[in-house]
C-alpha atoms as a PDB file:
ATOM      1  CA  MET A   1      -6.469 -11.810  10.163  1.00  0.00           C
ATOM      2  CA  LYS A   2      -8.606 -11.830   7.077  1.00  0.00           C
ATOM      3  CA  LYS A   3      -8.035 -12.235   3.360  1.00  0.00           C
ATOM      4  CA  ILE A   4      -5.659 -10.352   1.004  1.00  0.00           C
ATOM      5  CA  LEU A   5      -6.261  -9.012  -2.534  1.00  0.00           C
ATOM      6  CA  PHE A   6      -3.170  -8.562  -4.540  1.00  0.00           C
ATOM      7  CA  PRO A   7      -3.999  -7.316  -8.218  1.00  0.00           C
ATOM      8  CA  THR A   8      -1.283  -7.414 -10.787  1.00  0.00           C
ATOM      9  CA  ASP A   9      -0.730  -6.510 -14.204  1.00  0.00           C
ATOM     10  CA  PHE A  10       2.148  -9.237 -14.687  1.00  0.00           C
ATOM     11  CA  SER A  11       4.988  -7.199 -14.343  1.00  0.00           C
ATOM     12  CA  GLU A  12       8.373  -7.690 -12.821  1.00  0.00           C
ATOM     13  CA  ALA A  13       7.180  -5.027 -10.229  1.00  0.00           C
ATOM     14  CA  ALA A  14       4.149  -7.260  -9.054  1.00  0.00           C
ATOM     15  CA  GLN A  15       5.874 -10.498  -9.639  1.00  0.00           C
ATOM     16  CA  ASN A  16       8.481  -9.122  -6.881  1.00  0.00           C
ATOM     17  CA  ALA A  17       5.736  -7.662  -4.712  1.00  0.00           C
ATOM     18  CA  PHE A  18       4.040 -11.098  -5.181  1.00  0.00           C
ATOM     19  CA  ALA A  19       6.798 -13.215  -3.588  1.00  0.00           C
ATOM     20  CA  TYR A  20       6.520 -10.431  -1.176  1.00  0.00           C
ATOM     21  CA  ALA A  21       2.903 -10.321  -0.638  1.00  0.00           C
ATOM     22  CA  VAL A  22       3.259 -14.664   0.102  1.00  0.00           C
ATOM     23  CA  GLN A  23       5.984 -14.077   2.709  1.00  0.00           C
ATOM     24  CA  LEU A  24       3.817 -11.921   4.111  1.00  0.00           C
ATOM     25  CA  ALA A  25       0.524 -14.153   4.085  1.00  0.00           C
ATOM     26  CA  GLU A  26       3.032 -17.090   5.555  1.00  0.00           C
ATOM     27  CA  ALA A  27       3.412 -14.717   8.792  1.00  0.00           C
ATOM     28  CA  LEU A  28      -0.144 -13.873   9.137  1.00  0.00           C
ATOM     29  CA  ASP A  29      -1.254 -17.074   8.430  1.00  0.00           C
ATOM     30  CA  THR A  30      -4.089 -15.738   6.084  1.00  0.00           C
ATOM     31  CA  ARG A  31      -4.321 -16.102   2.525  1.00  0.00           C
ATOM     32  CA  ILE A  32      -4.086 -14.246  -0.876  1.00  0.00           C
ATOM     33  CA  ASP A  33      -6.517 -13.508  -3.447  1.00  0.00           C
ATOM     34  CA  VAL A  34      -5.015 -12.394  -6.900  1.00  0.00           C
ATOM     35  CA  ILE A  35      -6.929 -10.154  -9.127  1.00  0.00           C
ATOM     36  CA  ASN A  36      -6.094  -9.207 -12.671  1.00  0.00           C
ATOM     37  CA  VAL A  37      -8.162  -6.303 -14.289  1.00  0.00           C
ATOM     38  CA  TYR A  38      -8.462  -6.102 -18.405  1.00  0.00           C
ATOM     39  CA  HIS A  39     -10.367  -4.185 -20.897  1.00  0.00           C
ATOM     40  CA  LEU A  40     -10.583  -4.724 -24.820  1.00  0.00           C
ATOM     41  CA  PRO A  41      -8.665  -2.358 -26.845  1.00  0.00           C
ATOM     42  CA  ILE A  42     -11.555  -1.270 -29.106  1.00  0.00           C
ATOM     43  CA  ASN A  43     -11.807   2.278 -29.935  1.00  0.00           C
ATOM     44  CA  ASP A  44     -14.903   2.678 -31.501  1.00  0.00           C
ATOM     45  CA  ALA A  45     -17.165  -0.204 -29.988  1.00  0.00           C
ATOM     46  CA  GLY A  46     -20.163   0.883 -31.478  1.00  0.00           C
ATOM     47  CA  ARG A  47     -18.792   0.028 -34.894  1.00  0.00           C
ATOM     48  CA  VAL A  48     -18.192  -3.884 -33.825  1.00  0.00           C
ATOM     49  CA  PRO A  49     -20.853  -6.395 -33.788  1.00  0.00           C
ATOM     50  CA  PRO A  50     -21.888  -7.409 -30.411  1.00  0.00           C
ATOM     51  CA  ASP A  51     -21.485 -11.248 -30.796  1.00  0.00           C
ATOM     52  CA  TYR A  52     -17.727 -10.409 -31.146  1.00  0.00           C
ATOM     53  CA  ILE A  53     -16.975  -8.334 -28.679  1.00  0.00           C
ATOM     54  CA  GLU A  54     -18.348 -11.308 -26.557  1.00  0.00           C
ATOM     55  CA  ARG A  55     -16.460 -13.347 -27.754  1.00  0.00           C
ATOM     56  CA  MET A  56     -13.492 -10.890 -27.846  1.00  0.00           C
ATOM     57  CA  LEU A  57     -14.364 -10.858 -24.149  1.00  0.00           C
ATOM     58  CA  ASN A  58     -14.250 -14.606 -23.501  1.00  0.00           C
ATOM     59  CA  GLU A  59     -11.293 -15.148 -24.993  1.00  0.00           C
ATOM     60  CA  LYS A  60      -9.102 -12.557 -23.166  1.00  0.00           C
ATOM     61  CA  LYS A  61     -10.945 -13.147 -19.896  1.00  0.00           C
ATOM     62  CA  GLN A  62      -9.212 -17.294 -20.364  1.00  0.00           C
ATOM     63  CA  SER A  63      -5.808 -15.665 -21.809  1.00  0.00           C
ATOM     64  CA  VAL A  64      -6.048 -13.790 -18.441  1.00  0.00           C
ATOM     65  CA  LYS A  65      -7.129 -16.928 -15.902  1.00  0.00           C
ATOM     66  CA  LYS A  66      -4.104 -18.790 -17.737  1.00  0.00           C
ATOM     67  CA  HIS A  67      -2.000 -16.261 -17.008  1.00  0.00           C
ATOM     68  CA  LEU A  68      -2.562 -15.878 -13.741  1.00  0.00           C
ATOM     69  CA  LYS A  69      -1.917 -19.204 -12.950  1.00  0.00           C
ATOM     70  CA  GLU A  70       1.487 -19.373 -14.760  1.00  0.00           C
ATOM     71  CA  PHE A  71       1.857 -16.131 -12.479  1.00  0.00           C
ATOM     72  CA  VAL A  72       1.169 -17.870  -8.895  1.00  0.00           C
ATOM     73  CA  GLY A  73       3.474 -20.630  -9.933  1.00  0.00           C
ATOM     74  CA  GLU A  74       4.379 -23.200  -7.212  1.00  0.00           C
ATOM     75  CA  HIS A  75       3.067 -21.468  -4.321  1.00  0.00           C
ATOM     76  CA  PRO A  76       1.366 -23.719  -1.753  1.00  0.00           C
ATOM     77  CA  PRO A  77      -2.239 -23.770  -1.929  1.00  0.00           C
ATOM     78  CA  LYS A  78      -3.031 -23.032   1.656  1.00  0.00           C
ATOM     79  CA  VAL A  79      -1.749 -19.277   1.001  1.00  0.00           C
ATOM     80  CA  VAL A  80      -2.634 -18.635  -2.765  1.00  0.00           C
ATOM     81  CA  GLY A  81      -6.404 -18.559  -2.650  1.00  0.00           C
ATOM     82  CA  GLU A  82      -8.963 -17.069  -5.866  1.00  0.00           C
ATOM     83  CA  LEU A  83      -7.846 -16.668  -8.838  1.00  0.00           C
ATOM     84  CA  LYS A  84      -9.821 -13.373 -10.195  1.00  0.00           C
ATOM     85  CA  ALA A  85      -9.925 -12.069 -13.735  1.00  0.00           C
ATOM     86  CA  GLU A  86     -12.092  -8.665 -13.703  1.00  0.00           C
ATOM     87  CA  TYR A  87     -13.355  -7.233 -16.624  1.00  0.00           C
ATOM     88  CA  GLY A  88     -13.402  -3.204 -16.360  1.00  0.00           C
ATOM     89  CA  ILE A  89     -12.243   0.278 -17.477  1.00  0.00           C
ATOM     90  CA  PHE A  90     -10.600   2.095 -14.644  1.00  0.00           C
ATOM     91  CA  VAL A  91      -8.644  -0.751 -12.747  1.00  0.00           C
ATOM     92  CA  HIS A  92      -8.176   0.950  -9.603  1.00  0.00           C
ATOM     93  CA  GLN A  93     -11.636   1.382  -9.030  1.00  0.00           C
ATOM     94  CA  GLU A  94     -12.641  -2.382  -9.628  1.00  0.00           C
ATOM     95  CA  VAL A  95      -9.428  -3.115  -7.271  1.00  0.00           C
ATOM     96  CA  ILE A  96     -11.019  -1.229  -4.875  1.00  0.00           C
ATOM     97  CA  ASP A  97     -14.593  -2.157  -5.467  1.00  0.00           C
ATOM     98  CA  THR A  98     -13.399  -6.211  -5.468  1.00  0.00           C
ATOM     99  CA  ALA A  99     -11.253  -5.146  -1.980  1.00  0.00           C
ATOM    100  CA  GLN A 100     -14.659  -3.733  -0.765  1.00  0.00           C
ATOM    101  CA  ASN A 101     -17.222  -6.005  -1.401  1.00  0.00           C
ATOM    102  CA  GLY A 102     -14.916  -8.974  -0.493  1.00  0.00           C
ATOM    103  CA  GLY A 103     -14.340  -8.164   2.894  1.00  0.00           C
ATOM    104  CA  TYR A 104     -10.345  -8.018   2.222  1.00  0.00           C
ATOM    105  CA  SER A 105      -8.481  -6.825   4.967  1.00  0.00           C
ATOM    106  CA  PHE A 106      -5.315  -5.553   2.864  1.00  0.00           C
ATOM    107  CA  ILE A 107      -4.704  -4.739  -0.509  1.00  0.00           C
ATOM    108  CA  VAL A 108      -1.009  -5.709  -1.206  1.00  0.00           C
ATOM    109  CA  MET A 109       0.415  -4.382  -4.716  1.00  0.00           C
ATOM    110  CA  GLY A 110       3.275  -3.474  -6.246  1.00  0.00           C
ATOM    111  CA  THR A 111       5.034   0.185  -7.631  1.00  0.00           C
ATOM    112  CA  LYS A 112       7.646   0.467 -10.069  1.00  0.00           C
ATOM    113  CA  GLY A 113       8.990   3.434 -11.986  1.00  0.00           C
ATOM    114  CA  GLU A 114      12.253   4.654 -13.017  1.00  0.00           C
ATOM    115  CA  ARG A 115      14.158   4.928  -9.745  1.00  0.00           C
ATOM    116  CA  ASN A 116      10.204   4.618  -7.949  1.00  0.00           C
ATOM    117  CA  THR A 117      10.692   8.439  -7.852  1.00  0.00           C
ATOM    118  CA  MET A 118       7.277   9.864  -6.052  1.00  0.00           C
ATOM    119  CA  GLU A 119       6.643  11.787  -9.344  1.00  0.00           C
ATOM    120  CA  LYS A 120       6.502   8.396 -11.769  1.00  0.00           C
ATOM    121  CA  MET A 121       4.379   6.699  -8.667  1.00  0.00           C
ATOM    122  CA  MET A 122       1.709  10.019  -9.147  1.00  0.00           C
ATOM    123  CA  GLY A 123      -1.149   9.175 -10.480  1.00  0.00           C
ATOM    124  CA  SER A 124      -0.523   5.309 -10.691  1.00  0.00           C
ATOM    125  CA  VAL A 125      -2.846   2.799  -9.645  1.00  0.00           C
ATOM    126  CA  THR A 126      -0.927   2.065  -6.894  1.00  0.00           C
ATOM    127  CA  THR A 127      -1.682   5.778  -6.074  1.00  0.00           C
ATOM    128  CA  HIS A 128      -5.359   5.720  -6.721  1.00  0.00           C
ATOM    129  CA  THR A 129      -6.174   2.762  -4.655  1.00  0.00           C
ATOM    130  CA  MET A 130      -3.642   4.086  -1.918  1.00  0.00           C
ATOM    131  CA  MET A 131      -5.800   7.404  -1.842  1.00  0.00           C
ATOM    132  CA  HIS A 132      -9.558   5.867  -2.210  1.00  0.00           C
ATOM    133  CA  ALA A 133      -9.234   1.951  -0.692  1.00  0.00           C
ATOM    134  CA  SER A 134     -11.522   1.304   2.084  1.00  0.00           C
ATOM    135  CA  CYS A 135      -8.982  -1.119   3.698  1.00  0.00           C
ATOM    136  CA  PRO A 136      -5.415  -0.635   4.533  1.00  0.00           C
ATOM    137  CA  VAL A 137      -3.104  -0.809   1.311  1.00  0.00           C
ATOM    138  CA  LEU A 138       0.427  -2.291   1.421  1.00  0.00           C
ATOM    139  CA  ALA A 139       2.604  -0.245  -1.547  1.00  0.00           C
ATOM    140  CA  VAL A 140       5.766  -2.948  -2.130  1.00  0.00           C
ATOM    141  CA  PRO A 141       8.645  -1.133  -4.458  1.00  0.00           C
ATOM    142  CA  GLU A 142      10.363  -2.405  -7.334  1.00  0.00           C
ATOM    143  CA  GLY A 143      13.572  -4.910  -5.732  1.00  0.00           C
ATOM    144  CA  ALA A 144      11.926  -4.822  -1.899  1.00  0.00           C
ATOM    145  CA  GLU A 145      12.581  -8.141  -0.463  1.00  0.00           C
ATOM    146  CA  PHE A 146      10.447  -9.290   2.123  1.00  0.00           C
ATOM    147  CA  ARG A 147      12.356  -9.753   5.685  1.00  0.00           C
ATOM    148  CA  SER A 148      10.934 -10.278   8.881  1.00  0.00           C
ATOM    149  CA  ILE A 149       9.183  -6.686  10.057  1.00  0.00           C
ATOM    150  CA  GLY A 150      10.827  -5.844  13.468  1.00  0.00           C
ATOM    151  CA  HIS A 151       9.886  -2.739  13.448  1.00  0.00           C
ATOM    152  CA  ILE A 152       7.474  -0.426  11.766  1.00  0.00           C
ATOM    153  CA  ALA A 153       7.847   3.557  11.609  1.00  0.00           C
ATOM    154  CA  TYR A 154       3.951   5.246  12.005  1.00  0.00           C
ATOM    155  CA  ALA A 155       4.209   8.674  10.552  1.00  0.00           C
ATOM    156  CA  THR A 156       1.578  10.989  12.572  1.00  0.00           C
ATOM    157  CA  ASP A 157       0.284  13.930  13.718  1.00  0.00           C
ATOM    158  CA  PHE A 158      -1.137  12.767  16.846  1.00  0.00           C
ATOM    159  CA  GLU A 159      -4.961  13.512  15.517  1.00  0.00           C
ATOM    160  CA  PRO A 160      -7.793  11.546  17.578  1.00  0.00           C
ATOM    161  CA  SER A 161      -9.593  10.480  14.403  1.00  0.00           C
ATOM    162  CA  ASP A 162      -6.645   8.325  13.426  1.00  0.00           C
ATOM    163  CA  GLU A 163      -7.554   5.858  16.219  1.00  0.00           C
ATOM    164  CA  HIS A 164      -9.541   2.931  13.447  1.00  0.00           C
ATOM    165  CA  ALA A 165      -6.014   2.976  12.336  1.00  0.00           C
ATOM    166  CA  VAL A 166      -4.136   2.914  14.952  1.00  0.00           C
ATOM    167  CA  GLU A 167      -6.092  -0.114  16.305  1.00  0.00           C
ATOM    168  CA  GLN A 168      -5.917  -2.019  12.889  1.00  0.00           C
ATOM    169  CA  LEU A 169      -1.526  -1.143  12.810  1.00  0.00           C
ATOM    170  CA  MET A 170      -1.652  -2.378  16.872  1.00  0.00           C
ATOM    171  CA  GLU A 171      -3.433  -5.949  15.080  1.00  0.00           C
ATOM    172  CA  PHE A 172      -1.061  -6.374  12.041  1.00  0.00           C
ATOM    173  CA  ALA A 173       2.302  -5.499  14.332  1.00  0.00           C
ATOM    174  CA  GLY A 174       0.743  -7.890  17.084  1.00  0.00           C
ATOM    175  CA  LYS A 175       0.716 -10.924  14.626  1.00  0.00           C
ATOM    176  CA  LEU A 176       4.054 -10.151  12.764  1.00  0.00           C
ATOM    177  CA  GLY A 177       5.450  -9.402  16.501  1.00  0.00           C
ATOM    178  CA  SER A 178       6.956  -6.085  15.552  1.00  0.00           C
ATOM    179  CA  ALA A 179       7.486  -3.425  17.508  1.00  0.00           C
ATOM    180  CA  ILE A 180       5.751  -0.233  16.394  1.00  0.00           C
ATOM    181  CA  HIS A 181       7.802   3.738  16.462  1.00  0.00           C
ATOM    182  CA  PHE A 182       5.641   6.167  16.728  1.00  0.00           C
ATOM    183  CA  VAL A 183       7.382   9.633  14.709  1.00  0.00           C
ATOM    184  CA  HIS A 184       6.469  13.760  14.270  1.00  0.00           C
ATOM    185  CA  VAL A 185       8.188  15.671  12.202  1.00  0.00           C
ATOM    186  CA  ASP A 186       8.284  18.969  13.335  1.00  0.00           C
ATOM    187  CA  THR A 187       9.020  21.186  10.557  1.00  0.00           C
ATOM    188  CA  LYS A 188       9.344  24.624  12.388  1.00  0.00           C
ATOM    189  CA  ALA A 189      12.053  26.278  13.670  1.00  0.00           C
ATOM    190  CA  VAL A 190      12.491  24.406  17.167  1.00  0.00           C
ATOM    191  CA  ALA A 191      11.239  20.681  17.301  1.00  0.00           C
ATOM    192  CA  GLY A 192       9.431  19.425  20.444  1.00  0.00           C
ATOM    193  CA  ASN A 193       7.586  22.770  21.006  1.00  0.00           C
ATOM    194  CA  LEU A 194       4.691  23.224  23.173  1.00  0.00           C
ATOM    195  CA  GLU A 195       2.091  22.657  20.530  1.00  0.00           C
ATOM    196  CA  ASP A 196       3.499  19.248  19.724  1.00  0.00           C
ATOM    197  CA  TYR A 197       3.462  17.952  23.669  1.00  0.00           C
ATOM    198  CA  VAL A 198      -0.451  19.183  23.717  1.00  0.00           C
ATOM    199  CA  LEU A 199      -1.174  16.556  20.759  1.00  0.00           C
ATOM    200  CA  VAL A 200       0.403  14.192  22.321  1.00  0.00           C
ATOM    201  CA  GLU A 201      -1.081  14.858  25.663  1.00  0.00           C
ATOM    202  CA  ASN A 202      -4.272  14.669  24.040  1.00  0.00           C
ATOM    203  CA  TYR A 203      -3.940  10.967  21.968  1.00  0.00           C
ATOM    204  CA  PRO A 204      -5.911   8.449  23.049  1.00  0.00           C
ATOM    205  CA  PHE A 205      -3.108   5.616  22.362  1.00  0.00           C
ATOM    206  CA  PRO A 206      -0.189   5.470  24.930  1.00  0.00           C
ATOM    207  CA  PHE A 207       2.754   4.161  23.321  1.00  0.00           C
ATOM    208  CA  THR A 208       6.746   3.238  24.979  1.00  0.00           C
ATOM    209  CA  ASP A 209       8.503   4.779  21.524  1.00  0.00           C
ATOM    210  CA  PHE A 210       7.888   8.313  20.805  1.00  0.00           C
ATOM    211  CA  SER A 211      10.214  10.231  18.569  1.00  0.00           C
ATOM    212  CA  VAL A 212      10.009  14.267  17.328  1.00  0.00           C
ATOM    213  CA  VAL A 213      12.183  14.779  14.629  1.00  0.00           C
ATOM    214  CA  GLY A 214      13.192  18.217  13.300  1.00  0.00           C
ATOM    215  CA  SER A 215      13.475  18.751   9.557  1.00  0.00           C
ATOM    216  CA  HIS A 216      13.133  21.242   7.172  1.00  0.00           C
ATOM    217  CA  SER A 217      11.284  18.572   5.576  1.00  0.00           C
ATOM    218  CA  VAL A 218       8.539  15.735   6.683  1.00  0.00           C
ATOM    219  CA  THR A 219      10.043  13.314   3.719  1.00  0.00           C
ATOM    220  CA  ASP A 220      13.576  14.241   4.804  1.00  0.00           C
ATOM    221  CA  GLY A 221      12.769  13.827   8.647  1.00  0.00           C
ATOM    222  CA  LEU A 222      10.990  10.023   7.850  1.00  0.00           C
ATOM    223  CA  ASP A 223      14.196   9.334   5.727  1.00  0.00           C
ATOM    224  CA  GLU A 224      16.449  10.331   8.538  1.00  0.00           C
ATOM    225  CA  PHE A 225      14.561   7.979  11.102  1.00  0.00           C
ATOM    226  CA  ILE A 226      13.876   5.617   8.668  1.00  0.00           C
ATOM    227  CA  LYS A 227      18.051   4.991   8.204  1.00  0.00           C
ATOM    228  CA  LYS A 228      18.680   5.542  11.961  1.00  0.00           C
ATOM    229  CA  ASN A 229      16.212   3.151  13.104  1.00  0.00           C
ATOM    230  CA  ASN A 230      16.107   0.400  10.597  1.00  0.00           C
ATOM    231  CA  ILE A 231      12.488   0.783   9.486  1.00  0.00           C
ATOM    232  CA  ASP A 232      11.243  -2.124   7.558  1.00  0.00           C
ATOM    233  CA  VAL A 233       8.041  -0.782   7.093  1.00  0.00           C
ATOM    234  CA  LEU A 234       6.604   2.941   6.544  1.00  0.00           C
ATOM    235  CA  ALA A 235       3.035   3.109   7.965  1.00  0.00           C
ATOM    236  CA  LEU A 236       0.662   6.388   7.300  1.00  0.00           C
ATOM    237  CA  PHE A 237      -2.282   7.608   7.887  1.00  0.00           C
ATOM    238  CA  ILE A 238      -4.273   9.917   5.412  1.00  0.00           C
ATOM    239  CA  PRO A 239      -7.051  12.120   7.072  1.00  0.00           C
ATOM    240  CA  ASN A 240      -8.393  13.924   4.848  1.00  0.00           C
ATOM    241  CA  ARG A 241      -5.452  13.945   2.324  1.00  0.00           C
ATOM    242  CA  ARG A 242      -3.803  16.278   4.711  1.00  0.00           C
ATOM    243  CA  LEU A 243      -1.059  14.478   5.878  1.00  0.00           C
ATOM    244  CA  TRP A 244      -0.275  13.320   1.958  1.00  0.00           C
ATOM    245  CA  GLU A 245      -0.047  16.477   0.938  1.00  0.00           C
ATOM    246  CA  ARG A 246       2.548  17.531   3.523  1.00  0.00           C
ATOM    247  CA  LEU A 247       4.142  14.156   2.698  1.00  0.00           C
ATOM    248  CA  PHE A 248       3.974  14.101  -0.825  1.00  0.00           C
ATOM    249  CA  HIS A 249       2.916  17.398  -2.721  1.00  0.00           C
ATOM    250  CA  THR A 250       5.088  19.799  -1.216  1.00  0.00           C
ATOM    251  CA  SER A 251       7.623  18.150  -2.505  1.00  0.00           C
ATOM    252  CA  PHE A 252       6.423  16.466  -6.043  1.00  0.00           C
ATOM    253  CA  THR A 253       8.905  16.614  -7.797  1.00  0.00           C
ATOM    254  CA  LYS A 254      11.380  15.515  -5.090  1.00  0.00           C
ATOM    255  CA  GLN A 255      12.593  11.536  -5.044  1.00  0.00           C
ATOM    256  CA  MET A 256      11.926   9.928  -1.672  1.00  0.00           C
ATOM    257  CA  ALA A 257      14.917   8.044  -1.109  1.00  0.00           C
ATOM    258  CA  PHE A 258      13.208   6.210   2.066  1.00  0.00           C
ATOM    259  CA  HIS A 259      10.698   4.746  -0.754  1.00  0.00           C
ATOM    260  CA  SER A 260      12.995   3.126  -3.257  1.00  0.00           C
ATOM    261  CA  LYS A 261      13.389  -0.025  -0.831  1.00  0.00           C
ATOM    262  CA  LEU A 262      10.957   0.546   1.732  1.00  0.00           C
ATOM    263  CA  PRO A 263       7.036  -0.562   1.699  1.00  0.00           C
ATOM    264  CA  LEU A 264       4.529   1.972   2.246  1.00  0.00           C
ATOM    265  CA  LEU A 265       1.792   0.792   4.586  1.00  0.00           C
ATOM    266  CA  VAL A 266      -1.049   3.379   4.166  1.00  0.00           C
ATOM    267  CA  PHE A 267      -4.418   3.694   6.234  1.00  0.00           C
ATOM    268  CA  HIS A 268      -8.057   5.962   5.949  1.00  0.00           C
ATOM    269  CA  GLU A 269     -10.352   6.952   8.356  1.00  0.00           C
END
């Protein structure tokens, strides 16, 4: 397991997610680099002298570095690695580029918003990062507390294209000693129909824990499965946005009850 990148905006949600990330890093025997992306609140930079802008940038960077040191506090040096103060206009893109260029295995970041409704989260830095990062992203909701990750639910349509995602998930779960529960939500009238079994038959991974949940919506089906199985982390693979659209866009205005306390681990192709 390589290093983790943790973006922060110094909010309470970020503080909570960082406490979660530190304990996760200790369990994975890896380190966390912390990044803050800053910019200057100048609306008309063309009218500001270049030397003044340069001075403001230097001052801002020093201020951010100070805040980063305060943010990480007294956590063990073996867990907390580099502190990065990076200038950028689009926060999520700077985070994505840093993760890709730095060879990070995971991005861990917090989510926030009133009651953590999905509509509050959509369009956020966290959402853009989850959708476009080249590495997996673990989104930790506000108020979530780290506990031993014994059970991970992997929401799947059993597409062979998620081979790399499952391999990454298996490595992640193996290091934590976690069980992976493969779950498919069938929104048709009859759960577990012939098409489902054909999909499973062609799936390139063996598994001992596979469930087909019948529900009117994917979100409700996952919510029910999570509650019944004491799931600690929900993982999913986003192939060309299709699963993401099924999960969230179709119930855009609906509260995601399972997301209010449960970290979400997102993989890409």
